């Protein structure tokens, strides 16, 4: 997946932490592109001159594996994400829509364990 952005290295740094992945060995600040590898995805960040202007037509949904949805939202916000819409429901179901540091949308859904606890696995 390729993501247009203003600062490939900085945005890749956010996603390295978000996906608990690795940054390409030859990626450096100021580069025109950067790569993030993780168990579930390979993301290529490419510098473009224009900024983001509308909602993404495609986005990542993250399902935490070793923590709950709410813990994952807190972790990503601490890394620089912003909560855009909170779709969590009182019964524990739902998701949260965030934006990464450059405004690209992503969602955090419930973990498998959380889904199993409500019979939604």
Protein backbone atom coordinates (compact mmCIF):
# COMPACT_ATOMS: atom_id res chain seq x y z
CA UNK A 1 0.00 0.00 0.00
CA UNK A 2 1.35 3.44 -0.91
CA UNK A 3 0.52 6.56 1.10
CA UNK A 4 1.16 10.09 -0.20
CA UNK A 5 2.48 12.43 2.47
CA UNK A 6 4.55 15.54 3.17
CA UNK A 7 7.25 13.90 5.31
CA UNK A 8 7.75 10.20 4.50
CA UNK A 9 10.32 9.54 7.22
CA UNK A 10 8.31 11.17 10.01
CA UNK A 11 5.02 9.55 9.00
CA UNK A 12 6.71 6.18 8.58
CA UNK A 13 8.03 6.62 12.12
CA UNK A 14 4.47 6.91 13.43
CA UNK A 15 3.37 3.80 11.50
CA UNK A 16 6.45 1.80 12.60
CA UNK A 17 5.26 2.28 16.17
CA UNK A 18 1.56 1.85 15.34
CA UNK A 19 2.13 -1.45 13.53
CA UNK A 20 5.08 -2.49 15.69
CA UNK A 21 7.01 -2.90 12.47
CA UNK A 22 10.39 -1.91 11.11
CA UNK A 23 11.62 1.00 9.02
CA UNK A 24 13.61 0.28 5.88
CA UNK A 25 17.34 0.08 6.68
CA UNK A 26 18.19 2.72 4.08
CA UNK A 27 15.44 5.20 5.03
CA UNK A 28 16.59 8.54 6.44
CA UNK A 29 15.13 11.95 7.30
CA UNK A 30 14.59 14.01 4.15
CA UNK A 31 14.26 10.99 1.84
CA UNK A 32 11.55 11.11 -0.82
CA UNK A 33 10.15 7.77 0.38
CA UNK A 34 10.23 5.41 3.33
CA UNK A 35 9.05 1.83 3.82
CA UNK A 36 7.43 0.23 6.85
CA UNK A 37 7.32 -3.55 7.11
CA UNK A 38 5.14 -5.38 9.61
CA UNK A 39 3.65 -8.83 9.96
CA UNK A 40 0.39 -7.70 8.38
CA UNK A 41 1.37 -5.02 5.87
CA UNK A 42 4.02 -3.27 3.86
CA UNK A 43 3.49 0.47 3.58
CA UNK A 44 5.37 2.80 1.23
CA UNK A 45 5.30 6.51 2.11
CA UNK A 46 6.05 8.89 -0.78
CA UNK A 47 6.54 12.66 -0.60
CA UNK A 48 4.03 14.67 -2.64
CA UNK A 49 3.71 18.47 -2.86
CA UNK A 50 -0.01 18.73 -2.19
CA UNK A 51 -1.62 18.21 1.21
CA UNK A 52 -4.50 15.90 2.03
CA UNK A 53 -7.79 17.62 1.16
CA UNK A 54 -10.60 15.06 1.50
CA UNK A 55 -11.47 11.86 3.38
CA UNK A 56 -9.41 8.85 2.34
CA UNK A 57 -11.28 6.40 0.12
CA UNK A 58 -9.26 3.58 1.65
CA UNK A 59 -7.90 3.25 5.18
CA UNK A 60 -6.43 0.68 7.54
CA UNK A 61 -8.50 -1.04 10.22
CA UNK A 62 -6.27 -2.14 13.07
CA UNK A 63 -7.24 -5.05 15.31
CA UNK A 64 -4.97 -5.19 18.35
CA UNK A 65 -3.66 -8.66 19.20
CA UNK A 66 -2.15 -8.31 22.67
CA UNK A 67 -4.24 -5.47 24.09
CA UNK A 68 -7.81 -4.23 23.96
CA UNK A 69 -9.30 -1.67 21.60
CA UNK A 70 -9.34 1.11 24.19
CA UNK A 71 -5.71 0.49 25.16
CA UNK A 72 -4.74 0.58 21.48
CA UNK A 73 -6.57 3.88 20.95
CA UNK A 74 -4.74 5.38 23.94
CA UNK A 75 -1.39 4.08 22.63
CA UNK A 76 -1.93 5.52 19.15
CA UNK A 77 -3.07 8.89 20.51
CA UNK A 78 0.11 8.99 22.62
CA UNK A 79 2.08 8.37 19.39
CA UNK A 80 0.45 11.37 17.69
CA UNK A 81 -2.90 10.13 16.32
CA UNK A 82 -6.08 12.17 16.80
CA UNK A 83 -9.55 10.79 17.56
CA UNK A 84 -11.93 11.81 14.75
CA UNK A 85 -15.06 9.79 15.60
CA UNK A 86 -15.86 7.52 18.51
CA UNK A 87 -18.22 4.69 17.58
CA UNK A 88 -17.82 2.73 20.83
CA UNK A 89 -21.11 1.53 22.28
CA UNK A 90 -22.13 0.89 25.89
CA UNK A 91 -22.26 -2.88 25.19
CA UNK A 92 -18.51 -2.85 24.38
CA UNK A 93 -18.95 -3.11 20.61
CA UNK A 94 -17.90 -0.51 18.07
CA UNK A 95 -14.71 1.10 16.83
CA UNK A 96 -12.80 4.39 16.91
CA UNK A 97 -11.79 6.40 13.84
CA UNK A 98 -8.46 8.18 14.22
CA UNK A 99 -6.18 10.20 11.99
CA UNK A 100 -2.43 9.73 11.77
CA UNK A 101 -0.15 12.79 12.19
CA UNK A 102 -0.79 13.86 8.55
CA UNK A 103 -4.58 13.40 8.72
CA UNK A 104 -4.95 9.95 7.11
CA UNK A 105 -7.87 8.04 8.60
CA UNK A 106 -7.54 4.68 10.35
CA UNK A 107 -9.88 2.69 12.55
CA UNK A 108 -9.25 0.63 15.66
CA UNK A 109 -11.62 -2.27 16.12
CA UNK A 110 -12.01 -4.67 19.01
CA UNK A 111 -9.47 -7.43 19.57
CA UNK A 112 -10.43 -11.04 18.84
CA UNK A 113 -10.70 -11.65 22.58
CA UNK A 114 -13.07 -8.71 22.97
CA UNK A 115 -15.19 -9.94 20.06
CA UNK A 116 -15.28 -13.46 21.49
CA UNK A 117 -16.41 -12.10 24.86
CA UNK A 118 -19.53 -10.66 23.22
CA UNK A 119 -20.12 -13.64 20.92
CA UNK A 120 -18.97 -11.81 17.79
CA UNK A 121 -15.82 -13.81 16.99
